[in-house]
Amino acid sequence: MNNANEGGLRAPERSALGWEKEEYWDLDKLDDETRRQFDVCHGCRRCFNLCDSFPKLFDLIDESETYELDSVNSKDFKPVIDACTLCDMCFMVTCPYVPPHEFAIDIPKLMLRHRAIDYKEGKVKFTERVITEIDRNGKIASKIKPIANSMTSLKNKPSRYVLEKTLNIDKKAKLPKFTKPSPSKNLLNDKAPSYGEEVILFSSCYGSYHNTEIIKAAQDVLKKNGVDVVPYYDGCCGMPQLEQGNIKRVAKQANEISNKLSKHIDKGRKIVVPIPSCALMFKSEWPLIEPTNENIAKLSQSTMDIDEYIMYLFEKNGLEGSLKPLDKNTITVHLSCHSRAQNIGPKSAQMLKLIPDSKVNVIDRCSGHGGSWGVKKGNFDTAIKVGKIPTKNAMKCDSKYFASTCPLAGEHMKQISDLEAKQDLKSINKTYHPIELLALSYGFK
């Protein structure tokens, strides 16, 4: 081994998944690769506190006959695989042995390969697949919002009992509400320094069905800064399906959406995304699944997270100058895993520091939610456990304004704070997306 290559100082690199090749689906080859990577993890153990996958793996080994991987049955790897949320933190942040290191460790993509085979073999239950049909569920529930919100409310114990028994959604897990559209009514500011910029705002399934206020806030801020913004949504990015291993479905979605967005990109418009999971899919996951698709490659290069784009405007032209201090100047912002996995730096914190007199506290540890993973009966208690440390750190800051780059993570942390609140540790009052706080500073309600 070349010692000059030891460590993780270089940027991580990933090759295409290769899911169209026969060897990707070969169980014997997968087991060999799993054991190779797990053995490296066993010798390192640097990721012991990231999520529940690694403690489960290390306990398996430590409780085995030889205290080594050779005496662990491959069938016992299932809980390790199931505990992975595909957050990418081990790959992007912690592991010193990711490619281009010769050990080439990539646990998230290894877990995805296991799930892809399970999905292909029909091992993913119908009830689990139902949960991830975000567009279908959202369109139906949006037509009966009062009924849908009543059925999913934690206060409706009979309904939540039924959801737990039929769909395996933990009756204690807080679910996002369905909301009506909140279009921006503000005019484009033709006096702003960025007047002439044009973007497509991909509203995402969450912004289209659950929290439309985030999309309105993004439009208000962009228009205030002279950016001509066109809201766009034509289907989920596929992250929920990717978590289950349905790669073929994600590839179909990627091809269709990138093809429709291609004409906007050719006109020089950036694709701005307020939800980090969607931005990560556009930037990283889709190109790994369909590496030869030119439209997907263009989309990857043209996509920016909303907070990343605001900082791009600030650095290029400066922002429109009417930002005002908030009534309380302390803000705590949680940087979600999928924001950090984009490898763009703490753009949200940098953006919030542009608010006059603001003091910004940063929490950059996993909330534990993991999307659809975190609301399942078998996972919710673990999601709560993993999220306690960052939530308590946020509670100790005692800020009036708490924001998370991932709205689901923010609501999950609020639920944890309600459970953990004590006399000297107050619950999080309300959660925001960072762009909503910038909108408040501009005077938008």
Protein backbone atom coordinates (compact mmCIF):
# COMPACT_ATOMS: atom_id res chain seq x y z
CA MET A 1 0.00 0.00 0.00
CA ASN A 2 1.23 3.46 -0.85
CA ASN A 3 1.27 5.33 2.46
CA ALA A 4 1.15 8.62 0.58
CA ASN A 5 -2.45 7.78 -0.24
CA GLU A 6 -3.45 7.05 3.36
CA GLY A 7 -6.19 9.17 4.89
CA GLY A 8 -9.09 11.20 3.59
CA LEU A 9 -7.67 14.58 2.66
CA ARG A 10 -8.74 14.37 -0.97
CA ALA A 11 -12.28 14.88 -2.21
CA PRO A 12 -14.31 11.63 -2.30
CA GLU A 13 -14.89 10.16 -5.73
CA ARG A 14 -17.66 7.89 -6.97
CA SER A 15 -18.04 5.77 -10.07
CA ALA A 16 -21.35 5.03 -11.76
CA LEU A 17 -23.50 2.43 -10.03
CA GLY A 18 -23.30 -0.03 -12.90
CA TRP A 19 -26.76 -1.35 -12.07
CA GLU A 20 -27.34 -2.30 -15.71
CA LYS A 21 -24.51 -4.87 -15.52
CA GLU A 22 -25.18 -8.49 -14.59
CA GLU A 23 -22.50 -8.57 -11.88
CA TYR A 24 -24.28 -5.82 -9.91
CA TRP A 25 -27.02 -8.35 -9.16
CA ASP A 26 -24.72 -11.31 -8.42
CA LEU A 27 -25.33 -12.39 -4.79
CA ASP A 28 -21.97 -14.13 -4.35
CA LYS A 29 -20.05 -11.11 -5.60
CA LEU A 30 -22.15 -8.84 -3.42
CA ASP A 31 -21.39 -10.96 -0.35
CA ASP A 32 -17.67 -10.89 -1.11
CA GLU A 33 -17.73 -7.10 -1.48
CA THR A 34 -19.83 -6.69 1.67
CA ARG A 35 -17.39 -8.71 3.72
CA ARG A 36 -14.42 -6.84 2.25
CA GLN A 37 -15.85 -3.44 3.17
CA PHE A 38 -17.24 -4.52 6.55
CA ASP A 39 -13.82 -5.92 7.50
CA VAL A 40 -12.22 -2.53 6.85
CA CYS A 41 -14.95 -0.86 8.93
CA HIS A 42 -14.33 -3.37 11.73
CA GLY A 43 -10.65 -2.46 11.81
CA CYS A 44 -11.35 1.29 11.82
CA ARG A 45 -14.63 1.93 13.71
CA ARG A 46 -14.42 5.67 13.14
CA CYS A 47 -18.13 5.79 12.23
CA PHE A 48 -19.34 4.13 15.44
CA ASN A 49 -21.51 7.11 16.42
CA LEU A 50 -22.93 8.18 13.06
CA CYS A 51 -26.03 6.00 12.80
CA ASP A 52 -27.34 2.65 14.02
CA SER A 53 -25.82 0.59 11.18
CA PHE A 54 -22.28 0.71 12.50
CA PRO A 55 -23.04 -0.19 16.15
CA LYS A 56 -25.13 -3.12 14.88
CA LEU A 57 -22.23 -4.29 12.70
CA PHE A 58 -19.65 -3.95 15.45
CA ASP A 59 -21.89 -5.74 17.98
CA LEU A 60 -22.33 -8.61 15.51
CA ILE A 61 -18.57 -9.00 15.24
CA ASP A 62 -17.83 -8.51 18.94
CA GLU A 63 -20.42 -11.11 19.93
CA SER A 64 -19.23 -13.67 17.35
CA GLU A 65 -17.20 -16.77 18.10
CA THR A 66 -13.86 -15.43 16.85
CA TYR A 67 -14.55 -11.71 17.43
CA GLU A 68 -13.84 -11.33 13.72
CA LEU A 69 -16.04 -11.09 10.63
CA ASP A 70 -15.22 -14.64 9.51
CA SER A 71 -17.54 -16.11 12.16
CA VAL A 72 -20.50 -13.86 11.33
CA ASN A 73 -23.19 -15.38 9.11
CA SER A 74 -24.06 -13.23 6.10
CA LYS A 75 -27.76 -13.65 6.91
CA ASP A 76 -27.13 -11.63 10.08
CA PHE A 77 -26.14 -8.56 8.05
CA LYS A 78 -29.81 -7.70 7.39
CA PRO A 79 -30.30 -5.42 10.46
CA VAL A 80 -27.13 -3.53 9.51
CA ILE A 81 -28.45 -2.96 5.99
CA ASP A 82 -31.93 -1.98 7.19
CA ALA A 83 -30.55 0.57 9.66
CA CYS A 84 -28.82 2.63 6.95
CA THR A 85 -30.68 5.83 6.01
CA LEU A 86 -28.45 6.57 2.98
CA CYS A 87 -27.54 9.89 4.60
CA ASP A 88 -24.04 9.69 3.02
CA MET A 89 -22.29 11.11 6.09
CA CYS A 90 -19.94 8.16 6.47
CA PHE A 91 -18.84 8.55 2.85
CA MET A 92 -18.75 12.35 2.58
CA VAL A 93 -17.52 13.33 6.04
CA THR A 94 -16.03 10.61 8.20
CA CYS A 95 -14.49 7.68 6.34
CA PRO A 96 -10.76 8.06 5.47
CA TYR A 97 -10.90 5.10 3.08
CA VAL A 98 -13.35 6.27 0.41
CA PRO A 99 -12.23 6.37 -3.24
CA PRO A 100 -9.70 7.34 -4.52
CA HIS A 101 -8.16 5.46 -1.57
CA GLU A 102 -7.34 1.90 -2.67
CA PHE A 103 -9.71 0.43 -0.05
CA ALA A 104 -12.57 2.10 -1.95
CA ILE A 105 -15.09 2.02 0.90
CA ASP A 106 -18.60 3.22 0.03
CA ILE A 107 -21.07 1.87 2.58
CA PRO A 108 -24.15 3.83 1.34
CA LYS A 109 -23.80 2.47 -2.19
CA LEU A 110 -23.16 -1.01 -0.81
CA MET A 111 -26.38 -0.79 1.22
CA LEU A 112 -28.22 0.47 -1.86
CA ARG A 113 -27.02 -2.55 -3.83
CA HIS A 114 -28.43 -4.88 -1.16
CA ARG A 115 -31.75 -3.06 -1.23
CA ALA A 116 -31.86 -3.07 -5.02
CA ILE A 117 -31.56 -6.85 -5.04
CA ASP A 118 -34.21 -7.16 -2.32
CA TYR A 119 -36.52 -4.94 -4.34
CA LYS A 120 -35.91 -6.91 -7.54
CA GLU A 121 -36.66 -10.16 -5.69
CA GLY A 122 -39.97 -8.77 -4.38
CA LYS A 123 -38.89 -8.52 -0.74
CA VAL A 124 -40.12 -4.94 -0.30
CA LYS A 125 -43.69 -5.13 0.99
CA PHE A 126 -46.61 -3.50 -0.77
CA THR A 127 -47.32 -1.38 2.31
CA GLU A 128 -43.78 0.02 2.22
CA ARG A 129 -44.09 0.87 -1.46
CA VAL A 130 -47.38 2.68 -0.80
CA ILE A 131 -45.70 5.10 1.61
CA THR A 132 -43.19 6.22 -1.03
CA GLU A 133 -45.79 7.02 -3.71
CA ILE A 134 -45.51 10.69 -2.75
CA ASP A 135 -47.18 12.20 -5.81
CA ARG A 136 -50.14 9.86 -5.82
CA ASN A 137 -50.65 10.21 -2.06
CA GLY A 138 -50.18 13.99 -2.23
CA LYS A 139 -52.64 14.52 -5.07
CA ILE A 140 -55.33 12.48 -3.33
CA ALA A 141 -54.77 13.96 0.14
CA SER A 142 -54.64 17.53 -1.21
CA LYS A 143 -58.24 17.14 -2.40
CA ILE A 144 -59.37 16.17 1.10
CA LYS A 145 -56.88 18.13 3.22
CA PRO A 146 -59.02 18.43 6.40
CA ILE A 147 -59.76 14.70 6.39
CA ALA A 148 -56.17 13.70 5.52
CA ASN A 149 -54.70 15.96 8.21
CA SER A 150 -57.16 14.64 10.77
CA MET A 151 -56.28 11.04 9.93
CA THR A 152 -52.53 11.62 10.25
CA SER A 153 -52.70 13.80 13.39
CA LEU A 154 -51.05 12.41 16.52
CA LYS A 155 -54.22 13.35 18.39
CA ASN A 156 -56.28 10.92 16.29
CA LYS A 157 -55.22 7.77 18.13
CA PRO A 158 -57.70 5.37 16.46
CA SER A 159 -56.62 6.48 12.99
CA ARG A 160 -52.92 6.33 13.87
CA TYR A 161 -53.43 2.83 15.29
CA VAL A 162 -54.89 1.76 11.95
CA LEU A 163 -52.04 3.40 10.01
CA GLU A 164 -49.52 1.56 12.16
CA LYS A 165 -51.20 -1.81 11.64
CA THR A 166 -51.78 -1.40 7.90
CA LEU A 167 -48.85 0.72 6.66
CA ASN A 168 -46.30 0.15 9.45
CA ILE A 169 -46.17 3.90 10.19
CA ASP A 170 -45.31 4.32 13.85
CA LYS A 171 -48.27 5.80 15.70
CA LYS A 172 -45.89 8.11 17.61
CA ALA A 173 -44.23 9.57 14.50
CA LYS A 174 -45.27 13.09 13.53
CA LEU A 175 -46.30 13.26 9.86
CA PRO A 176 -46.26 16.39 7.67
CA LYS A 177 -49.57 18.16 7.11
CA PHE A 178 -51.06 18.80 3.69
CA THR A 179 -51.36 22.50 2.88
CA LYS A 180 -52.88 24.64 0.16
CA PRO A 181 -50.72 26.48 -2.40
CA SER A 182 -49.25 29.83 -1.32
CA PRO A 183 -48.27 31.67 -4.51
CA SER A 184 -46.10 34.76 -4.30
CA LYS A 185 -47.99 37.93 -5.25
CA ASN A 186 -44.98 40.22 -5.20
CA LEU A 187 -43.69 41.88 -8.35
CA LEU A 188 -40.24 41.47 -9.81
CA ASN A 189 -37.86 44.16 -8.51
CA ASP A 190 -36.27 45.67 -11.61
CA LYS A 191 -34.03 47.92 -9.48
CA ALA A 192 -32.26 45.05 -7.71
CA PRO A 193 -28.60 44.30 -8.49
CA SER A 194 -29.42 40.81 -9.83
CA TYR A 195 -32.18 41.98 -12.17
CA GLY A 196 -31.96 39.94 -15.35
CA GLU A 197 -31.18 36.63 -13.66
CA GLU A 198 -33.64 33.83 -14.48
CA VAL A 199 -34.15 30.56 -12.58
CA ILE A 200 -36.46 27.57 -12.44
CA LEU A 201 -37.59 26.88 -8.87
CA PHE A 202 -38.13 23.15 -8.46
CA SER A 203 -40.75 23.10 -5.73
CA SER A 204 -40.34 19.37 -4.85
CA CYS A 205 -43.06 17.07 -3.54
CA TYR A 206 -42.66 18.46 -0.03
CA GLY A 207 -42.98 22.05 -1.18
CA SER A 208 -45.91 21.20 -3.44
CA TYR A 209 -48.02 19.19 -1.00
CA HIS A 210 -46.84 19.82 2.55
CA ASN A 211 -45.11 23.16 3.17
CA THR A 212 -45.93 25.57 0.38
CA GLU A 213 -44.78 28.50 2.53
CA ILE A 214 -41.18 27.54 1.79
CA ILE A 215 -41.77 27.93 -1.93
CA LYS A 216 -43.53 31.26 -1.41
CA ALA A 217 -40.65 32.53 0.73
CA ALA A 218 -38.13 31.48 -1.93
CA GLN A 219 -40.12 33.26 -4.64
CA ASP A 220 -40.47 36.41 -2.52
CA VAL A 221 -36.74 36.59 -1.80
CA LEU A 222 -35.74 35.87 -5.38
CA LYS A 223 -38.13 38.46 -6.84
CA LYS A 224 -36.97 41.00 -4.28
CA ASN A 225 -33.49 40.48 -5.64
CA GLY A 226 -34.57 40.92 -9.24
CA VAL A 227 -34.54 37.23 -10.17
CA ASP A 228 -37.24 36.15 -12.60
CA VAL A 229 -38.40 32.88 -11.06
CA VAL A 230 -40.63 30.22 -12.59
CA PRO A 231 -41.98 27.57 -10.18
CA TYR A 232 -41.77 24.08 -11.63
CA TYR A 233 -42.80 20.63 -10.47
CA ASP A 234 -43.35 17.57 -12.61
CA GLY A 235 -42.87 14.69 -10.21
CA CYS A 236 -40.85 13.53 -7.22
CA CYS A 237 -37.06 13.32 -7.53
CA GLY A 238 -37.23 9.64 -6.53
CA MET A 239 -35.35 9.74 -3.22
CA PRO A 240 -38.08 7.69 -1.44
CA GLN A 241 -37.83 5.01 -4.16
CA LEU A 242 -34.02 5.08 -4.03
CA GLU A 243 -34.15 4.36 -0.29
CA GLN A 244 -36.03 1.16 -1.11
CA GLY A 245 -33.71 0.12 -3.93
CA ASN A 246 -36.10 0.80 -6.82
CA ILE A 247 -33.32 2.05 -9.11
CA LYS A 248 -35.23 1.41 -12.32
CA ARG A 249 -38.05 3.71 -11.17
CA VAL A 250 -35.59 6.45 -10.22
CA ALA A 251 -33.85 6.16 -13.59
CA LYS A 252 -37.18 6.59 -15.38
CA GLN A 253 -38.00 9.69 -13.32
CA ALA A 254 -34.52 11.11 -13.86
CA ASN A 255 -34.73 10.72 -17.63
CA GLU A 256 -38.18 12.28 -17.88
CA ILE A 257 -37.61 15.29 -15.62
CA SER A 258 -34.12 16.10 -16.92
CA ASN A 259 -35.44 15.97 -20.48
CA LYS A 260 -38.13 18.56 -19.67
CA LEU A 261 -35.74 20.83 -17.78
CA SER A 262 -33.12 20.66 -20.53
CA LYS A 263 -34.72 23.45 -22.61
CA HIS A 264 -34.55 25.83 -19.63
CA ILE A 265 -30.92 24.97 -18.94
CA ASP A 266 -30.06 25.61 -22.60
CA LYS A 267 -31.43 29.14 -22.13
CA GLY A 268 -28.96 29.72 -19.31
CA ARG A 269 -31.39 29.27 -16.40
CA LYS A 270 -30.20 27.65 -13.21
CA ILE A 271 -32.38 25.06 -11.44
CA VAL A 272 -32.83 26.19 -7.85
CA VAL A 273 -34.01 23.63 -5.30
CA PRO A 274 -35.14 24.42 -1.72
CA ILE A 275 -35.21 20.82 -0.46
CA PRO A 276 -31.71 19.32 -0.02
CA SER A 277 -32.66 15.72 -0.83
CA CYS A 278 -33.93 16.80 -4.25
CA ALA A 279 -30.84 18.90 -4.89
CA LEU A 280 -28.64 15.94 -3.95
CA MET A 281 -30.56 13.68 -6.33
CA PHE A 282 -30.16 16.14 -9.22
CA LYS A 283 -26.49 16.83 -8.51
CA SER A 284 -25.16 13.42 -7.52
CA GLU A 285 -27.51 10.45 -7.49
CA TRP A 286 -29.05 10.77 -10.95
CA PRO A 287 -25.66 11.06 -12.70
CA LEU A 288 -24.48 7.90 -10.90
CA ILE A 289 -27.55 6.00 -12.07
CA GLU A 290 -27.57 7.32 -15.67
CA PRO A 291 -23.95 8.40 -16.33
CA THR A 292 -24.30 8.64 -20.13
CA ASN A 293 -27.42 10.83 -20.18
CA GLU A 294 -26.40 14.31 -21.38
CA ASN A 295 -29.54 15.99 -20.01
CA ILE A 296 -28.88 14.60 -16.55
CA ALA A 297 -25.26 15.75 -16.74
CA LYS A 298 -26.40 19.27 -17.69
CA LEU A 299 -28.95 19.29 -14.86
CA SER A 300 -26.31 18.19 -12.38
CA GLN A 301 -24.07 21.12 -13.33
CA SER A 302 -26.95 23.64 -13.35
CA THR A 303 -28.61 22.73 -10.03
CA MET A 304 -28.12 24.85 -6.92
CA ASP A 305 -29.55 24.58 -3.43
CA ILE A 306 -31.64 27.69 -2.66
CA ASP A 307 -29.27 28.93 0.07
CA GLU A 308 -26.30 28.18 -2.17
CA TYR A 309 -27.92 30.27 -4.90
CA ILE A 310 -28.57 33.21 -2.57
CA MET A 311 -24.89 33.23 -1.62
CA TYR A 312 -24.01 33.03 -5.31
CA LEU A 313 -26.08 36.19 -5.90
CA PHE A 314 -24.51 37.89 -2.91
CA GLU A 315 -20.97 37.15 -4.07
CA LYS A 316 -21.72 38.06 -7.69
CA ASN A 317 -23.91 41.15 -7.39
CA GLY A 318 -24.71 41.76 -3.72
CA LEU A 319 -28.21 41.40 -2.29
CA GLU A 320 -31.00 43.95 -2.35
CA GLY A 321 -30.25 46.06 0.69
CA SER A 322 -33.48 46.28 2.68
CA LEU A 323 -32.78 43.38 5.07
CA LYS A 324 -33.77 44.27 8.64
CA PRO A 325 -32.80 42.70 11.96
CA LEU A 326 -35.23 40.11 13.31
CA ASP A 327 -36.92 40.97 16.60
CA LYS A 328 -34.61 38.49 18.34
CA ASN A 329 -31.15 38.29 16.81
CA THR A 330 -30.18 34.72 17.73
CA ILE A 331 -30.76 32.01 15.14
CA THR A 332 -29.94 28.31 15.38
CA VAL A 333 -29.65 26.51 12.05
CA HIS A 334 -29.43 22.76 11.55
CA LEU A 335 -27.48 21.64 8.50
CA SER A 336 -29.09 18.38 7.39
CA CYS A 337 -27.15 15.39 6.11
CA HIS A 338 -28.29 15.87 2.52
CA SER A 339 -27.22 19.51 2.65
CA ARG A 340 -23.78 18.53 3.87
CA ALA A 341 -23.56 15.68 1.34
CA GLN A 342 -23.76 18.25 -1.46
CA ASN A 343 -20.28 19.38 -0.40
CA ILE A 344 -21.11 23.08 -0.73
CA GLY A 345 -20.10 24.23 2.74
CA PRO A 346 -22.36 25.89 5.35
CA LYS A 347 -24.19 28.12 2.83
CA SER A 348 -27.32 28.34 4.97
CA ALA A 349 -25.39 29.66 7.96
CA GLN A 350 -23.51 32.10 5.74
CA MET A 351 -26.78 33.33 4.26
CA LEU A 352 -28.40 33.83 7.66
CA LYS A 353 -25.40 35.87 8.80
CA LEU A 354 -26.35 38.41 6.13
CA ILE A 355 -29.34 39.34 8.30
CA PRO A 356 -28.24 42.46 10.22
CA ASP A 357 -27.16 41.92 13.84
CA SER A 358 -27.79 38.17 13.61
CA LYS A 359 -25.92 35.66 15.72
CA VAL A 360 -26.03 32.23 14.11
CA ASN A 361 -25.49 28.94 15.93
CA VAL A 362 -24.80 25.91 13.71
CA ILE A 363 -25.88 22.33 14.39
CA ASP A 364 -24.33 19.92 11.88
CA ARG A 365 -25.24 16.49 13.18
CA CYS A 366 -27.81 14.02 11.79
CA SER A 367 -31.38 14.56 13.01
CA GLY A 368 -32.04 10.82 12.77
CA HIS A 369 -35.14 11.15 10.62
CA GLY A 370 -34.03 9.59 7.35
CA GLY A 371 -37.16 10.40 5.30
CA SER A 372 -39.67 7.57 5.00
CA TRP A 373 -37.22 5.37 6.93
CA GLY A 374 -37.73 7.31 10.16
CA VAL A 375 -41.52 7.02 10.40
CA LYS A 376 -41.63 3.22 10.20
CA LYS A 377 -42.62 1.25 13.26
CA GLY A 378 -39.28 -0.54 13.47
CA ASN A 379 -37.19 2.61 13.02
CA PHE A 380 -38.91 5.49 14.79
CA ASP A 381 -37.42 4.84 18.24
CA THR A 382 -33.96 4.71 16.68
CA ALA A 383 -34.69 7.94 14.79
CA ILE A 384 -35.54 9.57 18.12
CA LYS A 385 -32.40 8.20 19.78
CA VAL A 386 -30.07 9.37 16.99
CA GLY A 387 -31.69 12.82 16.95
CA LYS A 388 -31.46 13.56 20.68
CA ILE A 389 -27.91 14.95 20.68
CA PRO A 390 -28.37 17.57 17.92
CA THR A 391 -31.81 18.45 19.27
CA LYS A 392 -30.56 19.03 22.80
CA ASN A 393 -27.70 21.10 21.42
CA ALA A 394 -30.26 23.23 19.58
CA MET A 395 -32.39 23.52 22.70
CA LYS A 396 -29.40 24.72 24.73
CA CYS A 397 -28.98 27.61 22.29
CA ASP A 398 -32.47 28.79 23.33
CA SER A 399 -32.92 30.79 20.11
CA LYS A 400 -36.26 32.26 19.13
CA TYR A 401 -35.62 31.16 15.55
CA PHE A 402 -34.76 27.57 14.74
CA ALA A 403 -34.26 26.58 11.11
CA SER A 404 -33.30 23.35 9.39
CA THR A 405 -32.30 23.02 5.76
CA CYS A 406 -34.47 19.88 5.70
CA PRO A 407 -38.06 20.57 6.83
CA LEU A 408 -38.67 16.93 7.79
CA ALA A 409 -35.53 16.96 9.94
CA GLY A 410 -36.65 20.22 11.55
CA GLU A 411 -40.09 18.86 12.46
CA HIS A 412 -38.52 15.66 13.78
CA MET A 413 -36.20 17.67 16.01
CA LYS A 414 -39.13 19.73 17.24
CA GLN A 415 -40.94 16.54 18.21
CA ILE A 416 -37.85 15.35 20.08
CA SER A 417 -37.61 18.72 21.84
CA ASP A 418 -41.22 18.40 23.01
CA LEU A 419 -40.33 15.01 24.53
CA GLU A 420 -37.08 16.23 26.10
CA ALA A 421 -38.22 19.63 27.39
CA LYS A 422 -37.42 20.39 31.02
CA GLN A 423 -37.48 23.48 33.19
CA ASP A 424 -33.98 24.50 32.10
CA LEU A 425 -34.28 23.14 28.56
CA LYS A 426 -37.06 24.69 26.52
CA SER A 427 -38.80 23.04 23.59
CA ILE A 428 -38.25 24.36 20.06
CA ASN A 429 -41.16 26.72 19.49
CA LYS A 430 -41.37 26.65 15.70
CA THR A 431 -39.30 25.39 12.78
CA TYR A 432 -38.36 27.36 9.68
CA HIS A 433 -36.47 26.79 6.47
CA PRO A 434 -33.50 29.22 6.32
CA ILE A 435 -35.00 30.97 3.28
CA GLU A 436 -38.12 31.73 5.35
CA LEU A 437 -36.00 33.65 7.85
CA LEU A 438 -34.42 35.68 5.06
CA ALA A 439 -37.94 36.42 3.81
CA LEU A 440 -38.91 37.58 7.31
CA SER A 441 -35.88 39.87 7.37
CA TYR A 442 -37.10 41.38 4.09
CA GLY A 443 -40.47 42.03 5.71
CA PHE A 444 -42.45 39.26 4.03
CA LYS A 445 -44.99 37.44 6.18
